[in-house]
């Protein structure tokens, strides 16, 4: 598997696939944060827990995730320049925005 596998938006090609990521976030497949148990998808508390497992503080993790939000104009420009159809472009951006919303920074 390529390290960038989870960057590929497979929802465009497999809309019935409800998995959020190709790989587990945590080594232990039975581990789940209370946030994941409640929401059913990875959100900011999950990435904070992952960051802590690697020795990162919460502010560092929030900063890294915040970079995705700050780069939204770049994502929009790349999608607009892509060879996707007009409908696929709209859907790609909708999915990207939905995923960003899962990582509320507040």
N, C-alpha and C. Protein backbone atom coordinates (compact mmCIF):
# COMPACT_ATOMS: atom_id res chain seq x y z
N UNK A 1 0.83 -1.19 0.00
CA UNK A 1 0.00 0.00 0.00
C UNK A 1 0.87 1.25 0.00
N UNK A 2 0.43 2.22 -0.70
CA UNK A 2 1.12 3.49 -0.71
C UNK A 2 0.79 4.29 0.55
N UNK A 3 1.72 5.08 1.04
CA UNK A 3 1.42 5.90 2.23
C UNK A 3 0.30 6.90 1.98
N UNK A 4 0.05 7.26 0.75
CA UNK A 4 -0.98 8.24 0.44
C UNK A 4 -2.32 7.60 0.10
N UNK A 5 -2.48 6.33 0.37
CA UNK A 5 -3.71 5.63 -0.02
C UNK A 5 -4.96 6.33 0.51
N UNK A 6 -4.91 6.78 1.77
CA UNK A 6 -6.09 7.41 2.34
C UNK A 6 -6.37 8.80 1.79
N UNK A 7 -5.49 9.32 0.95
CA UNK A 7 -5.75 10.60 0.31
C UNK A 7 -6.64 10.44 -0.91
N UNK A 8 -6.73 9.25 -1.43
CA UNK A 8 -7.57 8.98 -2.60
C UNK A 8 -9.03 8.97 -2.17
N UNK A 9 -9.83 9.74 -2.84
CA UNK A 9 -11.24 9.83 -2.50
C UNK A 9 -11.99 8.70 -3.20
N UNK A 10 -12.02 7.54 -2.59
CA UNK A 10 -12.65 6.38 -3.21
C UNK A 10 -14.17 6.46 -3.17
N UNK A 11 -14.74 7.38 -2.38
CA UNK A 11 -16.20 7.51 -2.33
C UNK A 11 -16.76 7.85 -3.70
N UNK A 12 -15.99 8.51 -4.54
CA UNK A 12 -16.46 8.83 -5.89
C UNK A 12 -16.66 7.58 -6.72
N UNK A 13 -15.84 6.57 -6.46
CA UNK A 13 -15.87 5.35 -7.25
C UNK A 13 -16.65 4.22 -6.61
N UNK A 14 -16.72 4.23 -5.29
CA UNK A 14 -17.44 3.19 -4.53
C UNK A 14 -18.37 3.87 -3.52
N UNK A 15 -19.43 4.50 -3.98
CA UNK A 15 -20.29 5.28 -3.07
C UNK A 15 -20.96 4.45 -1.97
N UNK A 16 -21.05 3.15 -2.14
CA UNK A 16 -21.67 2.31 -1.12
C UNK A 16 -20.72 1.91 -0.01
N UNK A 17 -19.43 2.20 -0.20
CA UNK A 17 -18.42 1.84 0.80
C UNK A 17 -18.45 2.86 1.92
N UNK A 18 -18.84 2.44 3.09
CA UNK A 18 -19.00 3.35 4.21
C UNK A 18 -17.75 3.48 5.08
N UNK A 19 -16.68 2.80 4.72
CA UNK A 19 -15.47 2.92 5.52
C UNK A 19 -14.86 4.29 5.31
N UNK A 20 -14.38 4.86 6.39
CA UNK A 20 -13.83 6.21 6.34
C UNK A 20 -12.38 6.20 5.88
N UNK A 21 -11.64 5.20 6.31
CA UNK A 21 -10.23 5.10 5.94
C UNK A 21 -9.92 3.66 5.53
N UNK A 22 -8.88 3.51 4.74
CA UNK A 22 -8.51 2.18 4.28
C UNK A 22 -7.86 1.36 5.38
N UNK A 23 -7.18 2.04 6.29
CA UNK A 23 -6.46 1.35 7.36
C UNK A 23 -6.97 1.80 8.72
N UNK A 24 -6.75 0.96 9.71
CA UNK A 24 -7.12 1.33 11.07
C UNK A 24 -6.24 2.47 11.55
N UNK A 25 -6.78 3.32 12.39
CA UNK A 25 -6.00 4.42 12.94
C UNK A 25 -5.09 3.94 14.07
N UNK A 26 -5.56 2.97 14.83
CA UNK A 26 -4.81 2.46 15.98
C UNK A 26 -4.39 1.02 15.74
N UNK A 27 -3.29 0.65 16.31
CA UNK A 27 -2.74 -0.70 16.13
C UNK A 27 -3.72 -1.77 16.64
N UNK A 28 -4.30 -1.54 17.79
CA UNK A 28 -5.24 -2.50 18.38
C UNK A 28 -6.60 -2.35 17.69
N UNK A 29 -7.05 -3.34 16.94
CA UNK A 29 -8.31 -3.20 16.20
C UNK A 29 -9.54 -3.09 17.11
N UNK A 30 -9.39 -3.45 18.37
CA UNK A 30 -10.51 -3.35 19.30
C UNK A 30 -10.55 -2.03 20.06
N UNK A 31 -9.49 -1.21 19.90
CA UNK A 31 -9.44 0.07 20.61
C UNK A 31 -10.33 1.08 19.91
N UNK A 32 -11.09 1.82 20.69
CA UNK A 32 -11.90 2.91 20.17
C UNK A 32 -12.02 3.97 21.25
N UNK A 33 -11.88 5.21 20.86
CA UNK A 33 -12.07 6.31 21.80
C UNK A 33 -13.56 6.46 22.07
N UNK A 34 -13.91 7.12 23.16
CA UNK A 34 -15.34 7.39 23.40
C UNK A 34 -15.98 8.17 22.25
N UNK A 35 -15.21 9.07 21.64
CA UNK A 35 -15.76 9.84 20.51
C UNK A 35 -16.11 8.93 19.34
N UNK A 36 -15.22 7.98 19.03
CA UNK A 36 -15.50 7.06 17.93
C UNK A 36 -16.69 6.17 18.27
N UNK A 37 -16.75 5.70 19.50
CA UNK A 37 -17.88 4.87 19.92
C UNK A 37 -19.19 5.63 19.76
N UNK A 38 -19.17 6.92 20.05
CA UNK A 38 -20.37 7.74 19.97
C UNK A 38 -20.74 8.12 18.54
N UNK A 39 -19.74 8.54 17.75
CA UNK A 39 -20.00 9.05 16.41
C UNK A 39 -19.98 8.00 15.32
N UNK A 40 -19.11 6.99 15.49
CA UNK A 40 -18.97 5.96 14.46
C UNK A 40 -17.97 6.32 13.38
N UNK A 41 -17.24 7.40 13.56
CA UNK A 41 -16.17 7.78 12.62
C UNK A 41 -15.09 8.52 13.40
N UNK A 42 -13.90 8.57 12.81
CA UNK A 42 -12.78 9.26 13.46
C UNK A 42 -13.02 10.76 13.45
N UNK A 43 -12.70 11.40 14.57
CA UNK A 43 -12.83 12.84 14.68
C UNK A 43 -11.62 13.37 15.46
N UNK A 44 -11.65 14.64 15.79
CA UNK A 44 -10.51 15.27 16.44
C UNK A 44 -10.02 14.50 17.67
N UNK A 45 -10.89 14.06 18.58
CA UNK A 45 -10.38 13.33 19.75
C UNK A 45 -9.59 12.07 19.39
N UNK A 46 -9.93 11.42 18.30
CA UNK A 46 -9.20 10.23 17.86
C UNK A 46 -7.79 10.60 17.42
N UNK A 47 -7.67 11.70 16.69
CA UNK A 47 -6.35 12.11 16.23
C UNK A 47 -5.51 12.68 17.37
N UNK A 48 -6.16 13.28 18.35
CA UNK A 48 -5.43 13.72 19.55
C UNK A 48 -4.88 12.49 20.27
N UNK A 49 -5.70 11.45 20.42
CA UNK A 49 -5.25 10.21 21.07
C UNK A 49 -4.10 9.57 20.28
N UNK A 50 -4.19 9.57 18.97
CA UNK A 50 -3.13 9.03 18.14
C UNK A 50 -1.85 9.85 18.31
N UNK A 51 -1.99 11.17 18.29
CA UNK A 51 -0.84 12.04 18.49
C UNK A 51 -0.17 11.80 19.82
N UNK A 52 -0.96 11.66 20.86
CA UNK A 52 -0.40 11.40 22.20
C UNK A 52 0.37 10.08 22.21
N UNK A 53 -0.12 9.09 21.50
CA UNK A 53 0.57 7.80 21.43
C UNK A 53 1.96 7.95 20.81
N UNK A 54 2.13 8.98 20.00
CA UNK A 54 3.42 9.25 19.36
C UNK A 54 4.17 10.41 20.02
N UNK A 55 3.68 10.84 21.18
CA UNK A 55 4.38 11.88 21.93
C UNK A 55 4.07 13.31 21.52
N UNK A 56 3.00 13.51 20.78
CA UNK A 56 2.60 14.85 20.38
C UNK A 56 1.55 15.39 21.32
N UNK A 57 1.61 16.66 21.60
CA UNK A 57 0.60 17.30 22.43
C UNK A 57 -0.63 17.65 21.62
N UNK A 58 -1.70 17.95 22.32
CA UNK A 58 -2.96 18.26 21.64
C UNK A 58 -2.83 19.47 20.72
N UNK A 59 -2.11 20.50 21.15
CA UNK A 59 -1.97 21.68 20.30
C UNK A 59 -1.24 21.37 18.99
N UNK A 60 -0.26 20.49 19.07
CA UNK A 60 0.46 20.09 17.84
C UNK A 60 -0.48 19.38 16.89
N UNK A 61 -1.28 18.47 17.42
CA UNK A 61 -2.23 17.72 16.57
C UNK A 61 -3.25 18.68 15.97
N UNK A 62 -3.77 19.58 16.77
CA UNK A 62 -4.75 20.55 16.26
C UNK A 62 -4.13 21.41 15.16
N UNK A 63 -2.86 21.76 15.31
CA UNK A 63 -2.18 22.55 14.30
C UNK A 63 -2.04 21.79 13.00
N UNK A 64 -1.69 20.53 13.08
CA UNK A 64 -1.54 19.70 11.88
C UNK A 64 -2.87 19.56 11.17
N UNK A 65 -3.92 19.25 11.92
CA UNK A 65 -5.24 19.11 11.31
C UNK A 65 -5.71 20.46 10.76
N UNK A 66 -5.37 21.54 11.46
CA UNK A 66 -5.75 22.87 11.01
C UNK A 66 -5.16 23.23 9.66
N UNK A 67 -4.01 22.64 9.33
CA UNK A 67 -3.41 22.90 8.03
C UNK A 67 -4.30 22.43 6.88
N UNK A 68 -5.06 21.36 7.12
CA UNK A 68 -5.97 20.89 6.07
C UNK A 68 -7.03 21.94 5.79
N UNK A 69 -7.57 22.53 6.85
CA UNK A 69 -8.59 23.56 6.67
C UNK A 69 -8.00 24.79 5.97
N UNK A 70 -6.79 25.16 6.34
CA UNK A 70 -6.15 26.34 5.76
C UNK A 70 -5.86 26.15 4.28
N UNK A 71 -5.74 24.91 3.84
CA UNK A 71 -5.41 24.64 2.44
C UNK A 71 -6.63 24.38 1.57
N UNK A 72 -7.80 24.65 2.10
CA UNK A 72 -9.03 24.43 1.32
C UNK A 72 -9.00 25.16 -0.02
N UNK A 73 -8.53 26.41 -0.10
CA UNK A 73 -8.48 27.06 -1.42
C UNK A 73 -7.59 26.31 -2.42
N UNK A 74 -6.51 25.72 -1.94
CA UNK A 74 -5.64 24.94 -2.83
C UNK A 74 -6.34 23.68 -3.32
N UNK A 75 -7.08 23.04 -2.42
CA UNK A 75 -7.83 21.83 -2.79
C UNK A 75 -8.87 22.19 -3.85
N UNK A 76 -9.59 23.27 -3.61
CA UNK A 76 -10.61 23.70 -4.58
C UNK A 76 -10.00 23.98 -5.95
N UNK A 77 -8.84 24.64 -5.97
CA UNK A 77 -8.18 24.95 -7.24
C UNK A 77 -7.73 23.68 -7.95
N UNK A 78 -7.16 22.73 -7.21
CA UNK A 78 -6.71 21.48 -7.83
C UNK A 78 -7.88 20.68 -8.38
N UNK A 79 -8.98 20.65 -7.64
CA UNK A 79 -10.15 19.91 -8.12
C UNK A 79 -10.70 20.58 -9.37
N UNK A 80 -10.76 21.89 -9.38
CA UNK A 80 -11.27 22.61 -10.55
C UNK A 80 -10.40 22.34 -11.78
N UNK A 81 -9.09 22.19 -11.60
CA UNK A 81 -8.18 21.94 -12.72
C UNK A 81 -8.11 20.46 -13.11
N UNK A 82 -8.74 19.61 -12.31
CA UNK A 82 -8.67 18.17 -12.58
C UNK A 82 -9.50 17.78 -13.79
N UNK A 83 -9.38 16.53 -14.18
CA UNK A 83 -10.13 16.01 -15.32
C UNK A 83 -11.47 15.39 -14.91
N UNK A 84 -11.84 15.57 -13.64
CA UNK A 84 -13.14 15.06 -13.17
C UNK A 84 -14.27 15.79 -13.90
N UNK A 85 -15.39 15.12 -14.01
CA UNK A 85 -16.57 15.77 -14.59
C UNK A 85 -17.05 16.86 -13.62
N UNK A 86 -17.90 17.74 -14.10
CA UNK A 86 -18.44 18.79 -13.24
C UNK A 86 -19.13 18.24 -12.01
N UNK A 87 -19.94 17.21 -12.19
CA UNK A 87 -20.64 16.60 -11.06
C UNK A 87 -19.67 15.95 -10.09
N UNK A 88 -18.64 15.27 -10.62
CA UNK A 88 -17.65 14.62 -9.76
C UNK A 88 -16.86 15.66 -8.97
N UNK A 89 -16.57 16.79 -9.57
CA UNK A 89 -15.86 17.86 -8.87
C UNK A 89 -16.69 18.34 -7.68
N UNK A 90 -17.97 18.57 -7.92
CA UNK A 90 -18.86 19.02 -6.84
C UNK A 90 -18.92 17.99 -5.73
N UNK A 91 -19.03 16.72 -6.10
CA UNK A 91 -19.12 15.65 -5.11
C UNK A 91 -17.81 15.51 -4.34
N UNK A 92 -16.67 15.61 -5.02
CA UNK A 92 -15.37 15.52 -4.36
C UNK A 92 -15.25 16.60 -3.30
N UNK A 93 -15.60 17.84 -3.66
CA UNK A 93 -15.50 18.95 -2.71
C UNK A 93 -16.49 18.80 -1.57
N UNK A 94 -17.67 18.27 -1.86
CA UNK A 94 -18.65 18.04 -0.79
C UNK A 94 -18.09 17.05 0.22
N UNK A 95 -17.51 15.96 -0.27
CA UNK A 95 -16.94 14.94 0.62
C UNK A 95 -15.78 15.53 1.42
N UNK A 96 -14.92 16.29 0.76
CA UNK A 96 -13.79 16.90 1.46
C UNK A 96 -14.27 17.82 2.57
N UNK A 97 -15.27 18.65 2.28
CA UNK A 97 -15.81 19.56 3.30
C UNK A 97 -16.47 18.79 4.45
N UNK A 98 -17.18 17.73 4.12
CA UNK A 98 -17.80 16.90 5.16
C UNK A 98 -16.73 16.31 6.09
N UNK A 99 -15.62 15.84 5.50
CA UNK A 99 -14.54 15.27 6.31
C UNK A 99 -13.88 16.34 7.16
N UNK A 100 -13.71 17.54 6.61
CA UNK A 100 -13.16 18.62 7.43
C UNK A 100 -14.07 18.92 8.61
N UNK A 101 -15.37 18.89 8.37
CA UNK A 101 -16.32 19.18 9.45
C UNK A 101 -16.21 18.15 10.58
N UNK A 102 -15.79 16.93 10.26
CA UNK A 102 -15.61 15.91 11.28
C UNK A 102 -14.47 16.27 12.25
N UNK A 103 -13.59 17.13 11.79
CA UNK A 103 -12.43 17.53 12.58
C UNK A 103 -12.56 18.94 13.11
N UNK A 104 -13.75 19.27 13.55
CA UNK A 104 -13.96 20.62 14.11
C UNK A 104 -12.77 21.00 14.98
N UNK A 105 -12.30 22.19 14.83
CA UNK A 105 -11.13 22.64 15.57
C UNK A 105 -11.50 23.39 16.84
N UNK A 106 -12.77 23.53 17.11
CA UNK A 106 -13.16 24.24 18.34
C UNK A 106 -13.19 23.33 19.54
